[in-house]
Amino acid sequence: MSASVKKKRNHVRQTISLQDRLAAFARDLVEMAASMPEGAERDSLLRRARTAEIAADIDDWVSSAGLQPPTP
């Protein structure tokens, strides 16, 4: 690829908040795990679901009005 050729970025406008998308993703993973037998794959799905829930909590905390920038 030539240095003068620029790739265009694919910009997508999200209509659903990150927190809602993460919650839905976690819920789907838990539902999938519930239909599986005990084992490593089920544990992996539950771990991913918990990670998505934590990410949603962090997003909520970061975007909260109570969060203040550090003072110099």
N, C-alpha and C. Protein backbone atom coordinates (compact mmCIF):
# COMPACT_ATOMS: atom_id res chain seq x y z
N MET A 1 0.85 -1.17 0.00
CA MET A 1 0.00 0.00 0.00
C MET A 1 0.90 1.24 0.00
N SER A 2 0.55 2.18 -0.79
CA SER A 2 1.32 3.41 -0.91
C SER A 2 1.10 4.30 0.31
N ALA A 3 2.11 5.06 0.66
CA ALA A 3 2.02 5.94 1.83
C ALA A 3 1.02 7.07 1.61
N SER A 4 0.74 7.42 0.35
CA SER A 4 -0.18 8.52 0.08
C SER A 4 -1.65 8.09 0.07
N VAL A 5 -1.90 6.79 0.15
CA VAL A 5 -3.27 6.28 0.15
C VAL A 5 -3.73 6.14 1.60
N LYS A 6 -4.84 6.79 1.91
CA LYS A 6 -5.38 6.71 3.27
C LYS A 6 -6.61 5.82 3.27
N LYS A 7 -6.70 4.99 4.29
CA LYS A 7 -7.89 4.17 4.48
C LYS A 7 -8.94 5.00 5.19
N LYS A 8 -10.18 4.84 4.79
CA LYS A 8 -11.27 5.51 5.48
C LYS A 8 -11.72 4.64 6.63
N ARG A 9 -11.95 5.26 7.78
CA ARG A 9 -12.44 4.53 8.94
C ARG A 9 -13.94 4.37 8.83
N ASN A 10 -14.41 3.23 9.27
CA ASN A 10 -15.83 2.95 9.26
C ASN A 10 -16.43 3.49 10.55
N HIS A 11 -17.11 4.61 10.48
CA HIS A 11 -17.72 5.22 11.67
C HIS A 11 -19.17 4.78 11.78
N VAL A 12 -19.50 4.20 12.91
CA VAL A 12 -20.86 3.73 13.14
C VAL A 12 -21.42 4.48 14.34
N ARG A 13 -22.60 5.05 14.16
CA ARG A 13 -23.28 5.76 15.24
C ARG A 13 -24.06 4.74 16.05
N GLN A 14 -23.69 4.56 17.32
CA GLN A 14 -24.37 3.60 18.18
C GLN A 14 -25.69 4.18 18.66
N THR A 15 -26.76 3.40 18.55
CA THR A 15 -28.07 3.85 19.01
C THR A 15 -28.38 3.34 20.41
N ILE A 16 -27.63 2.33 20.85
CA ILE A 16 -27.82 1.76 22.18
C ILE A 16 -26.57 2.07 23.00
N SER A 17 -26.75 2.45 24.24
CA SER A 17 -25.62 2.82 25.08
C SER A 17 -24.69 1.64 25.31
N LEU A 18 -23.44 1.94 25.59
CA LEU A 18 -22.45 0.90 25.85
C LEU A 18 -22.90 0.03 27.03
N GLN A 19 -23.40 0.66 28.06
CA GLN A 19 -23.84 -0.07 29.24
C GLN A 19 -24.96 -1.06 28.88
N ASP A 20 -25.91 -0.63 28.06
CA ASP A 20 -27.01 -1.52 27.65
C ASP A 20 -26.50 -2.66 26.77
N ARG A 21 -25.56 -2.36 25.86
CA ARG A 21 -25.01 -3.40 25.00
C ARG A 21 -24.23 -4.42 25.81
N LEU A 22 -23.45 -3.95 26.79
CA LEU A 22 -22.70 -4.87 27.65
C LEU A 22 -23.64 -5.74 28.49
N ALA A 23 -24.70 -5.14 29.01
CA ALA A 23 -25.67 -5.90 29.81
C ALA A 23 -26.35 -6.97 28.97
N ALA A 24 -26.73 -6.63 27.73
CA ALA A 24 -27.36 -7.61 26.85
C ALA A 24 -26.39 -8.73 26.50
N PHE A 25 -25.14 -8.38 26.25
CA PHE A 25 -24.11 -9.37 25.93
C PHE A 25 -23.93 -10.32 27.10
N ALA A 26 -23.84 -9.78 28.31
CA ALA A 26 -23.68 -10.61 29.51
C ALA A 26 -24.88 -11.52 29.71
N ARG A 27 -26.07 -10.99 29.51
CA ARG A 27 -27.29 -11.77 29.67
C ARG A 27 -27.33 -12.93 28.66
N ASP A 28 -26.94 -12.65 27.41
CA ASP A 28 -26.90 -13.71 26.40
C ASP A 28 -25.90 -14.80 26.76
N LEU A 29 -24.73 -14.40 27.27
CA LEU A 29 -23.73 -15.38 27.66
C LEU A 29 -24.21 -16.26 28.81
N VAL A 30 -24.88 -15.66 29.79
CA VAL A 30 -25.40 -16.43 30.92
C VAL A 30 -26.47 -17.42 30.45
N GLU A 31 -27.32 -16.99 29.52
CA GLU A 31 -28.34 -17.88 28.98
C GLU A 31 -27.71 -19.04 28.23
N MET A 32 -26.66 -18.76 27.45
CA MET A 32 -25.96 -19.83 26.73
C MET A 32 -25.32 -20.81 27.71
N ALA A 33 -24.71 -20.27 28.76
CA ALA A 33 -24.04 -21.11 29.75
C ALA A 33 -25.03 -21.98 30.50
N ALA A 34 -26.23 -21.46 30.73
CA ALA A 34 -27.24 -22.22 31.47
C ALA A 34 -27.67 -23.48 30.74
N SER A 35 -27.56 -23.47 29.41
CA SER A 35 -27.98 -24.64 28.64
C SER A 35 -26.85 -25.63 28.39
N MET A 36 -25.67 -25.35 28.96
CA MET A 36 -24.52 -26.22 28.75
C MET A 36 -24.23 -27.06 29.98
N PRO A 37 -23.60 -28.20 29.78
CA PRO A 37 -23.18 -29.01 30.94
C PRO A 37 -21.98 -28.37 31.63
N GLU A 38 -21.75 -28.77 32.87
CA GLU A 38 -20.59 -28.28 33.62
C GLU A 38 -19.33 -28.53 32.81
N GLY A 39 -18.41 -27.59 32.86
CA GLY A 39 -17.16 -27.80 32.14
C GLY A 39 -16.45 -26.50 31.85
N ALA A 40 -15.33 -26.62 31.16
CA ALA A 40 -14.47 -25.47 30.89
C ALA A 40 -15.15 -24.45 29.99
N GLU A 41 -15.89 -24.91 28.98
CA GLU A 41 -16.54 -23.98 28.05
C GLU A 41 -17.61 -23.16 28.77
N ARG A 42 -18.39 -23.82 29.62
CA ARG A 42 -19.42 -23.12 30.40
C ARG A 42 -18.77 -22.11 31.34
N ASP A 43 -17.70 -22.50 32.01
CA ASP A 43 -16.99 -21.59 32.91
C ASP A 43 -16.45 -20.38 32.16
N SER A 44 -15.96 -20.62 30.95
CA SER A 44 -15.44 -19.53 30.13
C SER A 44 -16.55 -18.53 29.78
N LEU A 45 -17.73 -19.03 29.43
CA LEU A 45 -18.85 -18.14 29.12
C LEU A 45 -19.25 -17.32 30.34
N LEU A 46 -19.30 -17.97 31.50
CA LEU A 46 -19.67 -17.24 32.72
C LEU A 46 -18.62 -16.20 33.10
N ARG A 47 -17.35 -16.52 32.85
CA ARG A 47 -16.28 -15.57 33.13
C ARG A 47 -16.40 -14.35 32.20
N ARG A 48 -16.70 -14.60 30.92
CA ARG A 48 -16.88 -13.51 29.96
C ARG A 48 -18.09 -12.66 30.33
N ALA A 49 -19.16 -13.29 30.81
CA ALA A 49 -20.35 -12.56 31.23
C ALA A 49 -20.02 -11.66 32.41
N ARG A 50 -19.27 -12.18 33.37
CA ARG A 50 -18.89 -11.38 34.54
C ARG A 50 -18.01 -10.21 34.13
N THR A 51 -17.11 -10.43 33.18
CA THR A 51 -16.25 -9.36 32.69
C THR A 51 -17.08 -8.26 32.03
N ALA A 52 -18.10 -8.64 31.27
CA ALA A 52 -18.98 -7.66 30.63
C ALA A 52 -19.76 -6.87 31.68
N GLU A 53 -20.21 -7.55 32.74
CA GLU A 53 -20.92 -6.86 33.82
C GLU A 53 -20.00 -5.86 34.52
N ILE A 54 -18.76 -6.23 34.75
CA ILE A 54 -17.79 -5.34 35.39
C ILE A 54 -17.53 -4.14 34.49
N ALA A 55 -17.40 -4.38 33.18
CA ALA A 55 -17.17 -3.29 32.23
C ALA A 55 -18.34 -2.31 32.24
N ALA A 56 -19.57 -2.83 32.34
CA ALA A 56 -20.75 -1.96 32.41
C ALA A 56 -20.73 -1.13 33.69
N ASP A 57 -20.33 -1.74 34.79
CA ASP A 57 -20.23 -1.01 36.06
C ASP A 57 -19.17 0.09 35.97
N ILE A 58 -18.04 -0.21 35.36
CA ILE A 58 -16.97 0.78 35.21
C ILE A 58 -17.45 1.92 34.31
N ASP A 59 -18.14 1.59 33.22
CA ASP A 59 -18.66 2.63 32.33
C ASP A 59 -19.64 3.53 33.08
N ASP A 60 -20.48 2.93 33.90
CA ASP A 60 -21.43 3.70 34.70
C ASP A 60 -20.70 4.62 35.67
N TRP A 61 -19.66 4.11 36.31
CA TRP A 61 -18.89 4.90 37.27
C TRP A 61 -18.16 6.05 36.57
N VAL A 62 -17.54 5.77 35.43
CA VAL A 62 -16.78 6.80 34.72
C VAL A 62 -17.69 7.90 34.20
N SER A 63 -18.89 7.55 33.77
CA SER A 63 -19.78 8.56 33.21
C SER A 63 -20.71 9.20 34.25
N SER A 64 -20.50 8.88 35.53
CA SER A 64 -21.36 9.45 36.57
C SER A 64 -21.02 10.91 36.82
N ALA A 65 -22.02 11.65 37.28
CA ALA A 65 -21.84 13.06 37.56
C ALA A 65 -20.95 13.28 38.79
N GLY A 66 -20.87 12.30 39.67
CA GLY A 66 -20.09 12.44 40.89
C GLY A 66 -18.59 12.34 40.69
N LEU A 67 -18.17 11.85 39.53
CA LEU A 67 -16.75 11.69 39.26
C LEU A 67 -16.15 13.06 38.96
N GLN A 68 -15.14 13.43 39.71
CA GLN A 68 -14.51 14.74 39.56
C GLN A 68 -13.09 14.58 39.02
N PRO A 69 -12.65 15.50 38.16
CA PRO A 69 -11.28 15.43 37.67
C PRO A 69 -10.31 15.77 38.81
N PRO A 70 -9.09 15.26 38.73
CA PRO A 70 -8.12 15.56 39.78
C PRO A 70 -7.77 17.04 39.80
N THR A 71 -7.53 17.56 40.99
CA THR A 71 -7.13 18.97 41.11
C THR A 71 -5.62 19.05 41.20
N PRO A 72 -5.03 20.05 40.53
CA PRO A 72 -3.55 20.16 40.54
C PRO A 72 -2.99 20.59 41.87
